[in-house]
């Protein structure tokens, strides 16, 4: 993103919503350096997956771990 990176986008999105009402944010990145995951989580992202994506890992770690929302 030319105007902002994913970390800043995540911070802005989470600032607009009340806890429990915001969209789930999962970083998908080719960066797999030490500290990248922590940096994403510190920017209020919910999870972090690296490329190349393994579909099973995406489903198990990023999607199935979502807490159920009350209806």
N, C-alpha and C. Protein backbone atom coordinates (compact mmCIF):
# COMPACT_ATOMS: atom_id res chain seq x y z
N UNK A 1 0.85 -1.18 0.00
CA UNK A 1 0.00 0.00 0.00
C UNK A 1 0.89 1.24 0.00
N UNK A 2 0.72 2.10 -0.95
CA UNK A 2 1.60 3.27 -1.01
C UNK A 2 1.38 4.27 0.11
N UNK A 3 0.15 4.44 0.58
CA UNK A 3 -0.13 5.45 1.60
C UNK A 3 0.21 4.99 3.01
N UNK A 4 0.06 3.71 3.28
CA UNK A 4 0.37 3.18 4.60
C UNK A 4 0.64 1.69 4.49
N UNK A 5 1.36 1.17 5.47
CA UNK A 5 1.62 -0.26 5.46
C UNK A 5 0.53 -1.00 6.24
N UNK A 6 0.61 -2.31 6.26
CA UNK A 6 -0.40 -3.12 6.92
C UNK A 6 -0.46 -2.89 8.42
N UNK A 7 0.67 -2.57 9.02
CA UNK A 7 0.69 -2.31 10.45
C UNK A 7 -0.14 -1.07 10.79
N UNK A 8 0.07 -0.01 10.04
CA UNK A 8 -0.69 1.22 10.26
C UNK A 8 -2.16 1.02 9.93
N UNK A 9 -2.44 0.29 8.86
CA UNK A 9 -3.83 0.00 8.50
C UNK A 9 -4.53 -0.75 9.63
N UNK A 10 -3.85 -1.72 10.21
CA UNK A 10 -4.43 -2.48 11.32
C UNK A 10 -4.70 -1.58 12.52
N UNK A 11 -3.76 -0.72 12.84
CA UNK A 11 -3.96 0.22 13.97
C UNK A 11 -5.17 1.12 13.73
N UNK A 12 -5.31 1.62 12.53
CA UNK A 12 -6.44 2.51 12.23
C UNK A 12 -7.77 1.78 12.26
N UNK A 13 -7.79 0.56 11.72
CA UNK A 13 -9.03 -0.22 11.73
C UNK A 13 -9.45 -0.53 13.16
N UNK A 14 -8.52 -1.01 13.97
CA UNK A 14 -8.89 -1.38 15.33
C UNK A 14 -9.28 -0.18 16.17
N UNK A 15 -8.77 0.99 15.85
CA UNK A 15 -9.13 2.20 16.59
C UNK A 15 -10.58 2.63 16.31
N UNK A 16 -11.14 2.20 15.19
CA UNK A 16 -12.49 2.63 14.81
C UNK A 16 -13.60 1.77 15.41
N UNK A 17 -13.25 0.61 15.94
CA UNK A 17 -14.26 -0.33 16.42
C UNK A 17 -14.15 -0.57 17.91
N UNK A 18 -15.29 -0.88 18.53
CA UNK A 18 -15.30 -1.30 19.92
C UNK A 18 -14.78 -2.73 19.99
N UNK A 19 -14.20 -3.11 21.13
CA UNK A 19 -13.73 -4.50 21.27
C UNK A 19 -14.88 -5.48 21.00
N UNK A 20 -14.58 -6.53 20.26
CA UNK A 20 -15.57 -7.54 19.93
C UNK A 20 -16.41 -7.22 18.70
N UNK A 21 -16.25 -6.02 18.13
CA UNK A 21 -17.03 -5.64 16.96
C UNK A 21 -16.19 -5.42 15.71
N UNK A 22 -14.91 -5.43 15.86
CA UNK A 22 -14.04 -5.14 14.72
C UNK A 22 -13.80 -6.40 13.88
N UNK A 23 -13.41 -6.21 12.64
CA UNK A 23 -13.09 -7.36 11.79
C UNK A 23 -11.83 -8.05 12.29
N UNK A 24 -11.72 -9.32 12.01
CA UNK A 24 -10.51 -10.08 12.35
C UNK A 24 -9.44 -9.73 11.32
N UNK A 25 -8.24 -9.46 11.79
CA UNK A 25 -7.15 -9.05 10.92
C UNK A 25 -6.03 -10.07 11.02
N UNK A 26 -5.70 -10.65 9.88
CA UNK A 26 -4.63 -11.64 9.81
C UNK A 26 -3.58 -11.15 8.82
N UNK A 27 -2.36 -10.98 9.29
CA UNK A 27 -1.27 -10.57 8.41
C UNK A 27 -0.89 -11.74 7.52
N UNK A 28 -0.72 -11.47 6.24
CA UNK A 28 -0.23 -12.45 5.29
C UNK A 28 0.99 -11.82 4.63
N UNK A 29 2.15 -12.36 4.91
CA UNK A 29 3.35 -11.69 4.49
C UNK A 29 4.44 -12.66 4.03
N UNK A 30 5.31 -12.16 3.20
CA UNK A 30 6.49 -12.92 2.81
C UNK A 30 7.61 -12.71 3.82
N UNK A 31 7.45 -11.71 4.68
CA UNK A 31 8.45 -11.45 5.72
C UNK A 31 8.33 -12.53 6.79
N UNK A 32 9.41 -13.19 7.05
CA UNK A 32 9.41 -14.22 8.08
C UNK A 32 10.63 -14.04 8.97
N UNK A 33 10.96 -12.81 9.23
CA UNK A 33 12.12 -12.51 10.05
C UNK A 33 11.71 -12.55 11.52
N UNK A 34 12.67 -12.80 12.36
CA UNK A 34 12.42 -12.82 13.79
C UNK A 34 11.87 -11.46 14.23
N UNK A 35 10.81 -11.46 14.96
CA UNK A 35 10.20 -10.23 15.44
C UNK A 35 9.04 -9.73 14.61
N UNK A 36 8.88 -10.23 13.37
CA UNK A 36 7.78 -9.78 12.51
C UNK A 36 6.43 -10.14 13.11
N UNK A 37 6.29 -11.36 13.60
CA UNK A 37 5.03 -11.80 14.19
C UNK A 37 4.66 -10.90 15.38
N UNK A 38 5.62 -10.65 16.24
CA UNK A 38 5.38 -9.82 17.41
C UNK A 38 4.98 -8.40 17.02
N UNK A 39 5.61 -7.88 15.97
CA UNK A 39 5.29 -6.54 15.48
C UNK A 39 3.85 -6.48 14.96
N UNK A 40 3.42 -7.53 14.25
CA UNK A 40 2.05 -7.58 13.75
C UNK A 40 1.05 -7.67 14.90
N UNK A 41 1.34 -8.51 15.86
CA UNK A 41 0.43 -8.65 17.00
C UNK A 41 0.38 -7.36 17.83
N UNK A 42 1.50 -6.67 17.93
CA UNK A 42 1.54 -5.39 18.65
C UNK A 42 0.71 -4.32 17.93
N UNK A 43 0.51 -4.48 16.61
CA UNK A 43 -0.31 -3.54 15.83
C UNK A 43 -1.78 -3.96 15.84
N UNK A 44 -2.15 -4.82 16.80
CA UNK A 44 -3.53 -5.28 17.00
C UNK A 44 -4.04 -6.25 15.94
N UNK A 45 -3.12 -6.88 15.22
CA UNK A 45 -3.55 -7.95 14.31
C UNK A 45 -3.85 -9.18 15.15
N UNK A 46 -4.73 -10.02 14.65
CA UNK A 46 -5.14 -11.20 15.41
C UNK A 46 -4.25 -12.41 15.16
N UNK A 47 -3.64 -12.46 14.01
CA UNK A 47 -2.79 -13.60 13.69
C UNK A 47 -1.83 -13.21 12.58
N UNK A 48 -0.96 -14.12 12.24
CA UNK A 48 0.14 -13.86 11.31
C UNK A 48 0.44 -15.15 10.57
N UNK A 49 0.39 -15.13 9.26
CA UNK A 49 0.77 -16.30 8.46
C UNK A 49 1.78 -15.85 7.41
N UNK A 50 2.69 -16.74 7.07
CA UNK A 50 3.72 -16.40 6.10
C UNK A 50 3.47 -17.10 4.77
N UNK A 51 3.97 -16.50 3.72
CA UNK A 51 3.91 -17.09 2.40
C UNK A 51 5.09 -18.02 2.23
N UNK A 52 5.02 -19.08 1.50
CA UNK A 52 3.83 -19.53 0.80
C UNK A 52 2.79 -20.05 1.80
N UNK A 53 1.55 -19.77 1.50
CA UNK A 53 0.44 -20.14 2.39
C UNK A 53 0.18 -21.64 2.31
N UNK A 54 0.06 -22.23 3.47
CA UNK A 54 -0.42 -23.60 3.56
C UNK A 54 -1.88 -23.51 3.99
N UNK A 55 -2.79 -23.95 3.17
CA UNK A 55 -4.22 -23.80 3.44
C UNK A 55 -4.59 -24.41 4.78
N UNK A 56 -4.06 -25.58 5.10
CA UNK A 56 -4.40 -26.20 6.38
C UNK A 56 -3.98 -25.33 7.56
N UNK A 57 -2.81 -24.71 7.48
CA UNK A 57 -2.35 -23.83 8.55
C UNK A 57 -3.22 -22.58 8.64
N UNK A 58 -3.61 -22.04 7.50
CA UNK A 58 -4.47 -20.87 7.49
C UNK A 58 -5.80 -21.18 8.16
N UNK A 59 -6.39 -22.29 7.81
CA UNK A 59 -7.69 -22.66 8.38
C UNK A 59 -7.57 -22.91 9.87
N UNK A 60 -6.60 -23.71 10.27
CA UNK A 60 -6.49 -24.08 11.68
C UNK A 60 -6.07 -22.91 12.55
N UNK A 61 -5.03 -22.21 12.16
CA UNK A 61 -4.47 -21.19 13.03
C UNK A 61 -5.16 -19.84 12.93
N UNK A 62 -5.60 -19.47 11.77
CA UNK A 62 -6.14 -18.12 11.60
C UNK A 62 -7.67 -18.07 11.60
N UNK A 63 -8.32 -19.12 11.14
CA UNK A 63 -9.78 -19.06 11.01
C UNK A 63 -10.52 -19.82 12.10
N UNK A 64 -10.08 -21.01 12.43
CA UNK A 64 -10.80 -21.79 13.43
C UNK A 64 -10.56 -21.29 14.85
N UNK A 65 -9.56 -20.47 15.05
CA UNK A 65 -9.28 -19.95 16.38
C UNK A 65 -10.11 -18.71 16.71
N UNK A 66 -10.99 -18.30 15.81
CA UNK A 66 -11.83 -17.12 16.03
C UNK A 66 -12.88 -17.45 17.07
N UNK A 67 -12.99 -16.66 18.12
CA UNK A 67 -14.04 -16.90 19.10
C UNK A 67 -15.41 -16.66 18.48
N UNK A 68 -16.39 -17.42 18.91
CA UNK A 68 -17.75 -17.26 18.40
C UNK A 68 -18.31 -15.91 18.83
N UNK A 69 -18.99 -15.24 17.92
CA UNK A 69 -19.63 -13.96 18.20
C UNK A 69 -21.06 -14.20 18.66
N UNK A 70 -21.49 -13.54 19.73
CA UNK A 70 -22.91 -13.70 20.11
C UNK A 70 -23.82 -13.15 19.03
N UNK A 71 -24.90 -13.83 18.78
CA UNK A 71 -25.85 -13.39 17.73
C UNK A 71 -26.82 -12.37 18.28
